[in-house]
Amino acid sequence: MHANTRVSLTAALTSVAMLVALMLTTMVAAPARAATSFADVSSGHVFAKHIQWLADSGVTSGYANGTFGPSDAVTRGQMAAFLYKLVGSPEQSLPATPTFSDVPRSHVFA
């Protein structure tokens, strides 16, 4: 690969894929409770316990309309926010110049 070649991810992660990645990254067992607080995640959903754990842990709150969107795409910014919350939202200082050329300092996930 050439130094000036930009690599971009074209395949979007779904919310469930993000969930699996978070659970594997932290190696946290899902709680026993299967009922969720999201209208679009039934207690029979394969990841119901995991999704509710994320909500109970403050990693995600879903959408304002009470849904989670288990098949929705997850952006890089959203994934960064999930990981940041997962590790306890540590204090940070933003660099003087943006680290990524496609993310301005004014971006919600900067």
N, C-alpha and C. Protein backbone atom coordinates (compact mmCIF):
# COMPACT_ATOMS: atom_id res chain seq x y z
N MET A 1 0.84 -1.17 0.00
CA MET A 1 0.00 0.00 0.00
C MET A 1 0.88 1.24 0.00
N HIS A 2 0.53 2.21 -0.80
CA HIS A 2 1.28 3.45 -0.87
C HIS A 2 0.95 4.36 0.30
N ALA A 3 1.90 5.18 0.69
CA ALA A 3 1.72 6.06 1.84
C ALA A 3 0.55 7.02 1.66
N ASN A 4 0.25 7.40 0.43
CA ASN A 4 -0.83 8.37 0.22
C ASN A 4 -2.17 7.71 -0.08
N THR A 5 -2.25 6.39 0.03
CA THR A 5 -3.51 5.69 -0.20
C THR A 5 -4.35 5.76 1.06
N ARG A 6 -5.57 6.23 0.91
CA ARG A 6 -6.48 6.34 2.05
C ARG A 6 -7.30 5.06 2.16
N VAL A 7 -7.31 4.49 3.32
CA VAL A 7 -8.09 3.28 3.56
C VAL A 7 -9.41 3.70 4.16
N SER A 8 -10.50 3.21 3.61
CA SER A 8 -11.80 3.52 4.19
C SER A 8 -12.59 2.24 4.35
N LEU A 9 -13.42 2.21 5.37
CA LEU A 9 -14.28 1.06 5.60
C LEU A 9 -15.59 1.31 4.89
N THR A 10 -15.95 0.42 3.99
CA THR A 10 -17.18 0.61 3.26
C THR A 10 -18.33 -0.19 3.85
N ALA A 11 -18.03 -1.24 4.55
CA ALA A 11 -19.09 -2.04 5.17
C ALA A 11 -19.43 -1.44 6.52
N ALA A 12 -20.68 -1.18 6.74
CA ALA A 12 -21.12 -0.60 8.01
C ALA A 12 -21.34 -1.71 9.03
N LEU A 13 -20.96 -1.44 10.26
CA LEU A 13 -21.27 -2.35 11.35
C LEU A 13 -22.74 -2.19 11.71
N THR A 14 -23.38 -3.26 12.10
CA THR A 14 -24.73 -3.14 12.62
C THR A 14 -24.63 -2.99 14.13
N SER A 15 -25.71 -2.58 14.74
CA SER A 15 -25.73 -2.45 16.20
C SER A 15 -25.41 -3.77 16.87
N VAL A 16 -25.90 -4.87 16.32
CA VAL A 16 -25.61 -6.18 16.90
C VAL A 16 -24.14 -6.53 16.75
N ALA A 17 -23.55 -6.22 15.60
CA ALA A 17 -22.12 -6.49 15.42
C ALA A 17 -21.30 -5.66 16.41
N MET A 18 -21.70 -4.41 16.62
CA MET A 18 -21.02 -3.56 17.60
C MET A 18 -21.15 -4.17 18.99
N LEU A 19 -22.32 -4.65 19.30
CA LEU A 19 -22.58 -5.26 20.59
C LEU A 19 -21.66 -6.47 20.81
N VAL A 20 -21.58 -7.32 19.83
CA VAL A 20 -20.71 -8.50 19.92
C VAL A 20 -19.26 -8.08 20.10
N ALA A 21 -18.84 -7.08 19.35
CA ALA A 21 -17.46 -6.59 19.48
C ALA A 21 -17.19 -6.07 20.88
N LEU A 22 -18.12 -5.31 21.43
CA LEU A 22 -17.94 -4.79 22.78
C LEU A 22 -17.88 -5.91 23.81
N MET A 23 -18.77 -6.86 23.68
CA MET A 23 -18.80 -7.95 24.65
C MET A 23 -17.52 -8.79 24.57
N LEU A 24 -17.04 -9.05 23.36
CA LEU A 24 -15.81 -9.82 23.20
C LEU A 24 -14.61 -9.03 23.68
N THR A 25 -14.61 -7.73 23.42
CA THR A 25 -13.49 -6.89 23.83
C THR A 25 -13.35 -6.87 25.34
N THR A 26 -14.44 -6.79 26.04
CA THR A 26 -14.39 -6.69 27.50
C THR A 26 -14.50 -8.04 28.19
N MET A 27 -14.90 -9.06 27.42
CA MET A 27 -15.08 -10.40 27.98
C MET A 27 -16.02 -10.38 29.19
N VAL A 28 -17.05 -9.56 29.08
CA VAL A 28 -18.04 -9.44 30.14
C VAL A 28 -19.19 -10.39 29.84
N ALA A 29 -19.59 -11.14 30.81
CA ALA A 29 -20.73 -12.04 30.62
C ALA A 29 -22.02 -11.24 30.64
N ALA A 30 -22.95 -11.64 29.84
CA ALA A 30 -24.25 -10.98 29.80
C ALA A 30 -25.02 -11.32 31.07
N PRO A 31 -25.86 -10.43 31.52
CA PRO A 31 -26.68 -10.70 32.70
C PRO A 31 -27.72 -11.78 32.39
N ALA A 32 -28.31 -12.33 33.41
CA ALA A 32 -29.30 -13.38 33.22
C ALA A 32 -30.63 -12.82 32.69
N ARG A 33 -30.92 -11.58 32.95
CA ARG A 33 -32.19 -10.98 32.55
C ARG A 33 -32.30 -10.89 31.03
N ALA A 34 -33.43 -11.31 30.48
CA ALA A 34 -33.59 -11.29 29.04
C ALA A 34 -34.52 -10.18 28.57
N ALA A 35 -35.42 -9.72 29.41
CA ALA A 35 -36.34 -8.66 29.01
C ALA A 35 -35.57 -7.37 28.77
N THR A 36 -35.95 -6.64 27.72
CA THR A 36 -35.26 -5.39 27.43
C THR A 36 -36.22 -4.22 27.55
N SER A 37 -35.63 -3.06 27.63
CA SER A 37 -36.42 -1.84 27.70
C SER A 37 -36.62 -1.23 26.32
N PHE A 38 -36.26 -1.94 25.26
CA PHE A 38 -36.38 -1.43 23.90
C PHE A 38 -37.55 -2.10 23.18
N ALA A 39 -38.39 -1.29 22.55
CA ALA A 39 -39.59 -1.79 21.88
C ALA A 39 -39.27 -2.75 20.74
N ASP A 40 -38.11 -2.62 20.11
CA ASP A 40 -37.77 -3.45 18.96
C ASP A 40 -36.84 -4.61 19.29
N VAL A 41 -36.64 -4.90 20.57
CA VAL A 41 -35.80 -6.04 20.98
C VAL A 41 -36.64 -6.92 21.90
N SER A 42 -37.12 -8.02 21.35
CA SER A 42 -37.95 -8.93 22.15
C SER A 42 -37.08 -9.71 23.12
N SER A 43 -37.70 -10.27 24.13
CA SER A 43 -36.94 -11.08 25.09
C SER A 43 -36.35 -12.33 24.42
N GLY A 44 -36.90 -12.72 23.27
CA GLY A 44 -36.37 -13.86 22.54
C GLY A 44 -35.24 -13.54 21.58
N HIS A 45 -34.91 -12.25 21.44
CA HIS A 45 -33.82 -11.85 20.54
C HIS A 45 -32.53 -12.48 21.03
N VAL A 46 -31.72 -12.99 20.12
CA VAL A 46 -30.50 -13.70 20.49
C VAL A 46 -29.55 -12.86 21.35
N PHE A 47 -29.60 -11.53 21.19
CA PHE A 47 -28.72 -10.66 21.98
C PHE A 47 -29.48 -9.78 22.98
N ALA A 48 -30.70 -10.18 23.34
CA ALA A 48 -31.52 -9.36 24.24
C ALA A 48 -30.80 -9.05 25.55
N LYS A 49 -30.20 -10.05 26.16
CA LYS A 49 -29.51 -9.84 27.44
C LYS A 49 -28.32 -8.89 27.29
N HIS A 50 -27.60 -9.04 26.20
CA HIS A 50 -26.43 -8.22 25.95
C HIS A 50 -26.82 -6.77 25.69
N ILE A 51 -27.87 -6.59 24.91
CA ILE A 51 -28.35 -5.24 24.59
C ILE A 51 -28.80 -4.55 25.86
N GLN A 52 -29.53 -5.27 26.71
CA GLN A 52 -29.99 -4.65 27.96
C GLN A 52 -28.82 -4.35 28.89
N TRP A 53 -27.79 -5.21 28.87
CA TRP A 53 -26.60 -4.94 29.68
C TRP A 53 -25.95 -3.63 29.25
N LEU A 54 -25.85 -3.40 27.94
CA LEU A 54 -25.28 -2.14 27.45
C LEU A 54 -26.09 -0.96 27.94
N ALA A 55 -27.40 -1.08 27.92
CA ALA A 55 -28.27 0.01 28.39
C ALA A 55 -28.11 0.20 29.90
N ASP A 56 -28.14 -0.90 30.65
CA ASP A 56 -28.00 -0.81 32.11
C ASP A 56 -26.64 -0.26 32.52
N SER A 57 -25.62 -0.52 31.70
CA SER A 57 -24.27 -0.05 32.00
C SER A 57 -24.00 1.38 31.55
N GLY A 58 -24.97 1.99 30.86
CA GLY A 58 -24.80 3.37 30.41
C GLY A 58 -24.00 3.51 29.13
N VAL A 59 -23.74 2.40 28.43
CA VAL A 59 -22.98 2.46 27.19
C VAL A 59 -23.86 2.97 26.06
N THR A 60 -25.13 2.62 26.09
CA THR A 60 -26.07 3.11 25.09
C THR A 60 -27.43 3.34 25.73
N SER A 61 -28.18 4.23 25.15
CA SER A 61 -29.54 4.47 25.63
C SER A 61 -30.55 4.23 24.51
N GLY A 62 -30.06 3.82 23.35
CA GLY A 62 -30.97 3.61 22.23
C GLY A 62 -31.44 4.94 21.67
N TYR A 63 -32.49 4.85 20.88
CA TYR A 63 -33.06 6.05 20.26
C TYR A 63 -34.10 6.70 21.17
N ALA A 64 -34.38 7.96 20.92
CA ALA A 64 -35.35 8.71 21.72
C ALA A 64 -36.75 8.10 21.64
N ASN A 65 -37.04 7.37 20.58
CA ASN A 65 -38.37 6.78 20.44
C ASN A 65 -38.51 5.43 21.16
N GLY A 66 -37.51 5.04 21.94
CA GLY A 66 -37.58 3.81 22.72
C GLY A 66 -37.11 2.55 22.02
N THR A 67 -36.48 2.72 20.86
CA THR A 67 -35.97 1.56 20.14
C THR A 67 -34.45 1.51 20.23
N PHE A 68 -33.89 0.34 19.89
CA PHE A 68 -32.44 0.14 19.89
C PHE A 68 -31.89 0.09 18.47
N GLY A 69 -32.63 -0.48 17.54
CA GLY A 69 -32.15 -0.61 16.16
C GLY A 69 -31.07 -1.66 16.03
N PRO A 70 -31.34 -2.92 16.41
CA PRO A 70 -30.30 -3.94 16.40
C PRO A 70 -29.69 -4.21 15.03
N SER A 71 -30.35 -3.83 13.97
CA SER A 71 -29.79 -4.04 12.63
C SER A 71 -29.32 -2.75 11.97
N ASP A 72 -29.35 -1.65 12.71
CA ASP A 72 -28.92 -0.36 12.16
C ASP A 72 -27.40 -0.30 12.03
N ALA A 73 -26.94 0.47 11.08
CA ALA A 73 -25.50 0.68 10.90
C ALA A 73 -24.94 1.50 12.05
N VAL A 74 -23.68 1.25 12.38
CA VAL A 74 -22.98 1.99 13.43
C VAL A 74 -21.79 2.69 12.78
N THR A 75 -21.69 4.00 12.99
CA THR A 75 -20.59 4.76 12.40
C THR A 75 -19.33 4.62 13.27
N ARG A 76 -18.20 5.05 12.72
CA ARG A 76 -16.95 5.06 13.49
C ARG A 76 -17.11 5.95 14.73
N GLY A 77 -17.75 7.06 14.56
CA GLY A 77 -17.94 7.99 15.68
C GLY A 77 -18.79 7.39 16.79
N GLN A 78 -19.86 6.71 16.41
CA GLN A 78 -20.71 6.07 17.40
C GLN A 78 -19.95 4.96 18.12
N MET A 79 -19.17 4.18 17.38
CA MET A 79 -18.38 3.11 18.00
C MET A 79 -17.37 3.69 18.97
N ALA A 80 -16.75 4.80 18.60
CA ALA A 80 -15.80 5.47 19.51
C ALA A 80 -16.51 5.92 20.78
N ALA A 81 -17.73 6.44 20.64
CA ALA A 81 -18.49 6.88 21.82
C ALA A 81 -18.84 5.69 22.71
N PHE A 82 -19.24 4.57 22.12
CA PHE A 82 -19.54 3.37 22.91
C PHE A 82 -18.33 2.90 23.69
N LEU A 83 -17.17 2.83 23.02
CA LEU A 83 -15.95 2.38 23.69
C LEU A 83 -15.53 3.35 24.79
N TYR A 84 -15.67 4.64 24.54
CA TYR A 84 -15.33 5.66 25.53
C TYR A 84 -16.20 5.50 26.79
N LYS A 85 -17.49 5.29 26.59
CA LYS A 85 -18.40 5.08 27.73
C LYS A 85 -18.10 3.77 28.43
N LEU A 86 -17.74 2.75 27.65
CA LEU A 86 -17.46 1.44 28.22
C LEU A 86 -16.29 1.47 29.19
N VAL A 87 -15.29 2.30 28.91
CA VAL A 87 -14.13 2.38 29.81
C VAL A 87 -14.28 3.46 30.87
N GLY A 88 -15.49 3.98 31.02
CA GLY A 88 -15.76 4.90 32.12
C GLY A 88 -15.64 6.38 31.80
N SER A 89 -15.62 6.75 30.54
CA SER A 89 -15.53 8.16 30.12
C SER A 89 -14.38 8.89 30.80
N PRO A 90 -13.15 8.41 30.62
CA PRO A 90 -12.00 9.04 31.29
C PRO A 90 -11.76 10.47 30.81
N GLU A 91 -11.15 11.27 31.67
CA GLU A 91 -10.79 12.64 31.30
C GLU A 91 -9.83 12.59 30.11
N GLN A 92 -9.95 13.56 29.25
CA GLN A 92 -9.07 13.61 28.09
C GLN A 92 -8.85 15.04 27.67
N SER A 93 -7.75 15.26 26.98
CA SER A 93 -7.45 16.56 26.39
C SER A 93 -7.38 16.36 24.88
N LEU A 94 -8.17 17.14 24.15
CA LEU A 94 -8.14 17.02 22.70
C LEU A 94 -6.85 17.64 22.17
N PRO A 95 -6.26 17.05 21.14
CA PRO A 95 -5.05 17.62 20.56
C PRO A 95 -5.34 18.98 19.92
N ALA A 96 -4.33 19.80 19.78
CA ALA A 96 -4.51 21.13 19.18
C ALA A 96 -4.99 21.04 17.75
N THR A 97 -4.51 20.04 17.04
CA THR A 97 -4.98 19.83 15.67
C THR A 97 -5.67 18.47 15.62
N PRO A 98 -6.73 18.36 14.84
CA PRO A 98 -7.46 17.09 14.77
C PRO A 98 -6.56 15.94 14.35
N THR A 99 -6.79 14.78 14.93
CA THR A 99 -6.02 13.58 14.61
C THR A 99 -6.43 12.99 13.27
N PHE A 100 -7.70 13.10 12.94
CA PHE A 100 -8.22 12.54 11.70
C PHE A 100 -8.69 13.68 10.80
N SER A 101 -8.23 13.67 9.55
CA SER A 101 -8.55 14.76 8.62
C SER A 101 -10.03 14.82 8.28
N ASP A 102 -10.77 13.73 8.47
CA ASP A 102 -12.19 13.73 8.14
C ASP A 102 -13.09 13.99 9.35
N VAL A 103 -12.51 14.36 10.49
CA VAL A 103 -13.29 14.66 11.68
C VAL A 103 -12.91 16.03 12.22
N PRO A 104 -13.73 17.05 11.94
CA PRO A 104 -13.41 18.40 12.45
C PRO A 104 -13.60 18.49 13.96
N ARG A 105 -12.93 19.41 14.61
CA ARG A 105 -13.04 19.59 16.06
C ARG A 105 -14.48 19.84 16.49
N SER A 106 -15.31 20.38 15.60
CA SER A 106 -16.69 20.71 15.93
C SER A 106 -17.61 19.48 15.87
N HIS A 107 -17.11 18.34 15.39
CA HIS A 107 -17.95 17.14 15.25
C HIS A 107 -18.39 16.64 16.62
N VAL A 108 -19.59 16.13 16.69
CA VAL A 108 -20.16 15.66 17.97
C VAL A 108 -19.32 14.56 18.62
N PHE A 109 -18.61 13.75 17.83
CA PHE A 109 -17.79 12.69 18.39
C PHE A 109 -16.30 13.01 18.41
N ALA A 110 -15.93 14.27 18.18
CA ALA A 110 -14.50 14.64 18.15
C ALA A 110 -13.90 14.55 19.54
